[in-house]
N, C-alpha and C. Protein backbone atom coordinates (compact mmCIF):
# COMPACT_ATOMS: atom_id res chain seq x y z
N MET A 1 -89.74 -98.49 -69.84
CA MET A 1 -89.74 -97.11 -70.21
C MET A 1 -88.75 -96.35 -69.33
N ALA A 2 -88.02 -95.43 -69.88
CA ALA A 2 -86.99 -94.69 -69.15
C ALA A 2 -87.63 -93.67 -68.22
N ARG A 3 -86.95 -93.42 -67.11
CA ARG A 3 -87.44 -92.44 -66.16
C ARG A 3 -86.95 -91.05 -66.56
N LYS A 4 -87.74 -90.08 -66.25
CA LYS A 4 -87.35 -88.70 -66.55
C LYS A 4 -86.49 -88.19 -65.40
N VAL A 5 -85.33 -87.63 -65.74
CA VAL A 5 -84.41 -87.12 -64.74
C VAL A 5 -84.69 -85.63 -64.54
N ILE A 6 -84.84 -85.25 -63.30
CA ILE A 6 -85.10 -83.84 -62.99
C ILE A 6 -83.79 -83.21 -62.56
N ASP A 7 -83.42 -82.10 -63.22
CA ASP A 7 -82.16 -81.44 -62.92
C ASP A 7 -82.26 -80.48 -61.74
N GLU A 8 -83.45 -80.16 -61.30
CA GLU A 8 -83.61 -79.22 -60.20
C GLU A 8 -83.50 -79.96 -58.87
N PRO A 9 -82.75 -79.40 -57.91
CA PRO A 9 -82.65 -80.05 -56.61
C PRO A 9 -83.95 -79.92 -55.84
N SER A 10 -84.20 -80.87 -54.97
CA SER A 10 -85.44 -80.83 -54.19
C SER A 10 -85.37 -79.70 -53.16
N GLU A 11 -86.52 -79.35 -52.61
CA GLU A 11 -86.58 -78.25 -51.65
C GLU A 11 -85.81 -78.58 -50.38
N ASP A 12 -85.81 -79.85 -49.97
CA ASP A 12 -85.08 -80.25 -48.77
C ASP A 12 -83.59 -80.00 -48.93
N ILE A 13 -83.06 -80.36 -50.07
CA ILE A 13 -81.63 -80.19 -50.32
C ILE A 13 -81.27 -78.71 -50.33
N VAL A 14 -82.11 -77.90 -50.94
CA VAL A 14 -81.85 -76.45 -50.99
C VAL A 14 -81.90 -75.86 -49.59
N ALA A 15 -82.89 -76.26 -48.79
CA ALA A 15 -83.01 -75.73 -47.43
C ALA A 15 -81.81 -76.13 -46.58
N ASN A 16 -81.40 -77.39 -46.69
CA ASN A 16 -80.24 -77.86 -45.92
C ASN A 16 -78.97 -77.14 -46.36
N ALA A 17 -78.82 -76.89 -47.63
CA ALA A 17 -77.63 -76.19 -48.12
C ALA A 17 -77.59 -74.77 -47.59
N LYS A 18 -78.74 -74.10 -47.53
CA LYS A 18 -78.78 -72.74 -47.00
C LYS A 18 -78.42 -72.73 -45.52
N LYS A 19 -78.91 -73.71 -44.77
CA LYS A 19 -78.56 -73.82 -43.35
C LYS A 19 -77.06 -74.04 -43.18
N ASP A 20 -76.50 -74.93 -43.99
CA ASP A 20 -75.08 -75.22 -43.91
C ASP A 20 -74.25 -73.98 -44.23
N ARG A 21 -74.66 -73.23 -45.26
CA ARG A 21 -73.92 -72.02 -45.62
C ARG A 21 -73.99 -71.00 -44.50
N ALA A 22 -75.15 -70.85 -43.89
CA ALA A 22 -75.31 -69.89 -42.80
C ALA A 22 -74.47 -70.30 -41.60
N ALA A 23 -74.41 -71.58 -41.32
CA ALA A 23 -73.62 -72.06 -40.18
C ALA A 23 -72.13 -71.90 -40.45
N ARG A 24 -71.71 -72.03 -41.68
CA ARG A 24 -70.29 -71.91 -42.01
C ARG A 24 -69.80 -70.47 -41.87
N ARG A 25 -70.68 -69.52 -42.01
CA ARG A 25 -70.26 -68.13 -41.97
C ARG A 25 -69.94 -67.66 -40.56
N ASN A 26 -70.55 -68.26 -39.55
CA ASN A 26 -70.36 -67.82 -38.18
C ASN A 26 -69.44 -68.79 -37.44
N PRO A 27 -68.18 -68.41 -37.21
CA PRO A 27 -67.27 -69.34 -36.53
C PRO A 27 -67.66 -69.57 -35.07
N PHE A 28 -68.28 -68.59 -34.42
CA PHE A 28 -68.67 -68.77 -33.03
C PHE A 28 -69.79 -69.79 -32.91
N ALA A 29 -70.68 -69.85 -33.88
CA ALA A 29 -71.75 -70.85 -33.88
C ALA A 29 -71.15 -72.24 -34.05
N ARG A 30 -70.14 -72.36 -34.89
CA ARG A 30 -69.49 -73.66 -35.08
C ARG A 30 -68.77 -74.10 -33.81
N ILE A 31 -68.12 -73.16 -33.12
CA ILE A 31 -67.44 -73.49 -31.87
C ILE A 31 -68.46 -73.92 -30.82
N ALA A 32 -69.57 -73.19 -30.73
CA ALA A 32 -70.62 -73.54 -29.76
C ALA A 32 -71.20 -74.92 -30.07
N LEU A 33 -71.42 -75.21 -31.34
CA LEU A 33 -71.92 -76.53 -31.73
C LEU A 33 -70.93 -77.62 -31.34
N PHE A 34 -69.65 -77.37 -31.58
CA PHE A 34 -68.63 -78.36 -31.22
C PHE A 34 -68.64 -78.61 -29.72
N ILE A 35 -68.70 -77.56 -28.92
CA ILE A 35 -68.70 -77.73 -27.46
C ILE A 35 -69.94 -78.48 -27.01
N ARG A 36 -71.10 -78.18 -27.59
CA ARG A 36 -72.33 -78.92 -27.24
C ARG A 36 -72.19 -80.40 -27.59
N GLN A 37 -71.58 -80.70 -28.73
CA GLN A 37 -71.40 -82.10 -29.12
C GLN A 37 -70.41 -82.81 -28.20
N VAL A 38 -69.36 -82.11 -27.78
CA VAL A 38 -68.39 -82.71 -26.86
C VAL A 38 -69.06 -83.03 -25.53
N ILE A 39 -69.83 -82.10 -25.01
CA ILE A 39 -70.53 -82.33 -23.74
C ILE A 39 -71.51 -83.50 -23.87
N GLY A 40 -72.20 -83.58 -25.00
CA GLY A 40 -73.11 -84.70 -25.23
C GLY A 40 -72.40 -86.04 -25.26
N GLU A 41 -71.22 -86.07 -25.87
CA GLU A 41 -70.45 -87.32 -25.91
C GLU A 41 -69.91 -87.66 -24.53
N LEU A 42 -69.48 -86.66 -23.76
CA LEU A 42 -68.95 -86.93 -22.43
C LEU A 42 -70.02 -87.46 -21.48
N ARG A 43 -71.27 -87.12 -21.73
CA ARG A 43 -72.35 -87.66 -20.90
C ARG A 43 -72.55 -89.15 -21.13
N LYS A 44 -72.09 -89.67 -22.25
CA LYS A 44 -72.23 -91.09 -22.57
C LYS A 44 -71.15 -91.95 -21.93
N VAL A 45 -70.10 -91.31 -21.40
CA VAL A 45 -68.96 -92.04 -20.84
C VAL A 45 -69.38 -92.75 -19.56
N VAL A 46 -68.98 -94.01 -19.44
CA VAL A 46 -69.29 -94.79 -18.25
C VAL A 46 -67.98 -95.07 -17.52
N THR A 47 -67.91 -94.68 -16.25
CA THR A 47 -66.71 -94.90 -15.46
C THR A 47 -66.65 -96.36 -15.04
N PRO A 48 -65.49 -97.02 -15.21
CA PRO A 48 -65.40 -98.43 -14.83
C PRO A 48 -65.44 -98.59 -13.31
N THR A 49 -65.92 -99.75 -12.87
CA THR A 49 -65.92 -100.04 -11.44
C THR A 49 -64.49 -100.32 -11.00
N ARG A 50 -64.30 -100.40 -9.69
CA ARG A 50 -62.96 -100.65 -9.14
C ARG A 50 -62.43 -101.99 -9.64
N LYS A 51 -63.28 -103.00 -9.68
CA LYS A 51 -62.87 -104.33 -10.13
C LYS A 51 -62.45 -104.29 -11.60
N GLU A 52 -63.25 -103.61 -12.44
CA GLU A 52 -62.91 -103.49 -13.86
C GLU A 52 -61.62 -102.72 -14.05
N LEU A 53 -61.43 -101.67 -13.25
CA LEU A 53 -60.22 -100.85 -13.36
C LEU A 53 -58.97 -101.68 -13.06
N PHE A 54 -59.01 -102.48 -12.00
CA PHE A 54 -57.86 -103.34 -11.69
C PHE A 54 -57.65 -104.40 -12.77
N SER A 55 -58.73 -104.91 -13.30
CA SER A 55 -58.63 -105.91 -14.37
C SER A 55 -57.97 -105.30 -15.60
N TYR A 56 -58.44 -104.14 -16.02
CA TYR A 56 -57.86 -103.47 -17.20
C TYR A 56 -56.40 -103.13 -16.97
N THR A 57 -56.07 -102.67 -15.76
CA THR A 57 -54.68 -102.33 -15.44
C THR A 57 -53.81 -103.57 -15.52
N GLY A 58 -54.28 -104.69 -15.00
CA GLY A 58 -53.51 -105.93 -15.07
C GLY A 58 -53.28 -106.38 -16.50
N VAL A 59 -54.30 -106.29 -17.33
CA VAL A 59 -54.18 -106.68 -18.73
C VAL A 59 -53.13 -105.81 -19.43
N VAL A 60 -53.17 -104.51 -19.19
CA VAL A 60 -52.21 -103.60 -19.82
C VAL A 60 -50.79 -103.90 -19.35
N LEU A 61 -50.60 -104.12 -18.06
CA LEU A 61 -49.26 -104.40 -17.55
C LEU A 61 -48.71 -105.71 -18.11
N VAL A 62 -49.54 -106.74 -18.19
CA VAL A 62 -49.09 -108.02 -18.76
C VAL A 62 -48.71 -107.83 -20.22
N PHE A 63 -49.51 -107.10 -20.97
CA PHE A 63 -49.21 -106.85 -22.38
C PHE A 63 -47.90 -106.09 -22.53
N VAL A 64 -47.66 -105.09 -21.69
CA VAL A 64 -46.42 -104.32 -21.76
C VAL A 64 -45.22 -105.21 -21.46
N VAL A 65 -45.32 -106.07 -20.47
CA VAL A 65 -44.22 -106.97 -20.13
C VAL A 65 -43.94 -107.93 -21.29
N ILE A 66 -44.98 -108.46 -21.90
CA ILE A 66 -44.80 -109.37 -23.05
C ILE A 66 -44.14 -108.63 -24.21
N MET A 67 -44.56 -107.41 -24.49
CA MET A 67 -43.96 -106.64 -25.58
C MET A 67 -42.50 -106.30 -25.27
N MET A 68 -42.19 -106.00 -24.01
CA MET A 68 -40.80 -105.73 -23.63
C MET A 68 -39.94 -106.97 -23.86
N ALA A 69 -40.45 -108.13 -23.49
CA ALA A 69 -39.70 -109.37 -23.69
C ALA A 69 -39.50 -109.63 -25.18
N LEU A 70 -40.52 -109.42 -25.98
CA LEU A 70 -40.42 -109.65 -27.42
C LEU A 70 -39.39 -108.71 -28.06
N VAL A 71 -39.44 -107.43 -27.73
CA VAL A 71 -38.49 -106.47 -28.29
C VAL A 71 -37.07 -106.78 -27.83
N SER A 72 -36.91 -107.15 -26.56
CA SER A 72 -35.57 -107.50 -26.05
C SER A 72 -35.03 -108.73 -26.77
N LEU A 73 -35.87 -109.73 -26.99
CA LEU A 73 -35.45 -110.94 -27.70
C LEU A 73 -35.04 -110.61 -29.13
N LEU A 74 -35.83 -109.81 -29.82
CA LEU A 74 -35.48 -109.42 -31.19
C LEU A 74 -34.19 -108.61 -31.22
N ASP A 75 -33.99 -107.72 -30.26
CA ASP A 75 -32.75 -106.94 -30.19
C ASP A 75 -31.55 -107.86 -30.01
N TRP A 76 -31.68 -108.85 -29.15
CA TRP A 76 -30.58 -109.78 -28.89
C TRP A 76 -30.27 -110.61 -30.14
N VAL A 77 -31.33 -111.11 -30.82
CA VAL A 77 -31.15 -111.92 -32.02
C VAL A 77 -30.50 -111.09 -33.13
N PHE A 78 -30.98 -109.88 -33.36
CA PHE A 78 -30.38 -109.03 -34.39
C PHE A 78 -28.95 -108.64 -34.03
N GLY A 79 -28.68 -108.46 -32.75
CA GLY A 79 -27.30 -108.18 -32.31
C GLY A 79 -26.38 -109.33 -32.64
N LEU A 80 -26.84 -110.57 -32.39
CA LEU A 80 -26.04 -111.74 -32.74
C LEU A 80 -25.83 -111.81 -34.25
N GLY A 81 -26.86 -111.48 -35.02
CA GLY A 81 -26.74 -111.49 -36.48
C GLY A 81 -25.73 -110.47 -36.97
N VAL A 82 -25.71 -109.29 -36.38
CA VAL A 82 -24.76 -108.25 -36.78
C VAL A 82 -23.34 -108.69 -36.45
N VAL A 83 -23.14 -109.26 -35.28
CA VAL A 83 -21.80 -109.73 -34.90
C VAL A 83 -21.37 -110.86 -35.83
N TRP A 84 -22.27 -111.74 -36.21
CA TRP A 84 -21.93 -112.84 -37.10
C TRP A 84 -21.56 -112.33 -38.49
N VAL A 85 -22.31 -111.32 -39.01
CA VAL A 85 -22.04 -110.81 -40.35
C VAL A 85 -20.78 -109.96 -40.38
N PHE A 86 -20.63 -109.04 -39.45
CA PHE A 86 -19.53 -108.08 -39.51
C PHE A 86 -18.36 -108.45 -38.62
N GLY A 87 -18.51 -109.42 -37.78
CA GLY A 87 -17.42 -109.82 -36.89
C GLY A 87 -17.41 -108.96 -35.64
N ASN A 88 -16.62 -109.39 -34.69
CA ASN A 88 -16.52 -108.70 -33.41
C ASN A 88 -15.40 -107.67 -33.49
N PRO A 89 -15.68 -106.36 -33.32
CA PRO A 89 -14.61 -105.36 -33.41
C PRO A 89 -13.66 -105.48 -32.23
N LYS A 90 -12.35 -105.26 -32.52
CA LYS A 90 -11.34 -105.39 -31.44
C LYS A 90 -10.66 -104.09 -31.18
């Protein structure tokens, strides 16, 4: 048997929509809410220990050196390809 569809929104949805509309009208309330949420998120931040900090720094530096080598190698290879295709200008 088919279910009957109700076209009227539930009371919860109506109440939430009214709250949302009221909050949208006041920009200062939205700014205050944003600042409260930022402070709440910043309280969750965990500062790394000295050992972790040195470890993370080492990983980043090694990655940067590897990427520099890769980009330099590609630049050199493409440079050779350009000279081979177009010749050496004199």
